[in-house]
Amino acid sequence: MFSEAINNFLLKNNYPELRIKAVFFDMDGVLFDSMKHHATAWVRALHDVGLTFTREEAFMNEGRTGHSTINEIFNRVYGRDATEDEKHKIYKLKSDYFDECGPTERMPYALDLLQKIKDYGSKIFVVTGSGQPSLIDNLQHFFPDIFEKGKMVTAFDVKHGKPHPEPYLIALDKSGVQPWEAVVVENAPLGVASASAARLFTIGVNTGPLEAKVLSENGADIVLDSMQELFNRWDDFYHLAKAEN
């Protein structure tokens, strides 16, 4: 499974090898089981301002910055971008509704996987389209001694959110590794598209309600069913990536 995916990735990008010196993690749906809360919050906030938005649309738009999501909806409905006041008002509503949803749980096996990657000596980054302060602040609480401030790319750091490659290109620059030395773990179609556009090996972890083929169609080099499966397969993947080169 991984061997074929690695070989296809190297051929597609004309890279010399795949070595895992850095791993870039999306946050929502990968580290936190939070997408159900985001979906609820988006539907409620947009309903409050007279806009229709479904839970499925929330999952399909996962990975965008909040302001980009709002602009997408305004362009669809009104044929224009939202004003700054409109974006701030709606995102404030969304953030408040998100916090009302209650505690966010850590994704099963996420901490185990992060610890394993840290033990291998690989750098670990968060690359998220989220600007949800409660989640960003809780990274250290849920994942102690894993993440550092300088190893995060959030909605506040980018001009172009996912699916644009900018978030992952920023992470690549911060990490100081070559594109064939980084691996991305994503669960969202737009996040997968962003990582693929940055020409990084992308593992799609299908933790949500979408069909697995949606991640493949957006550029995932391989798709797994859960973080547990990725944790169980990581040793083989790590050594295979090195052995393939």
Foldseek 3Di string as FASTA:
>chain_A
DLLVLQVVLCVVVVNPAAAAQAEEEEPDLQFWVQLVLLLVLLQVLQVVVPFHDHSVNSQQPFFAAQQVVQQVRCCVPPVGRDDPVVSVSSVVSSLVSSVVVDDIGTFPCNLVQLVVCVVVNHQYAYQGAYPNVVRVVCCCVSRPPRDDPLRYHYVVNDPGIFPALVSVVVNCVSRVDDQSHYEYEEAGLRVLLNNVVVSHQYEHAPSDDDDQVSSVVSPHSYYHDGSVVCSVCVVVSNVSSVVVD
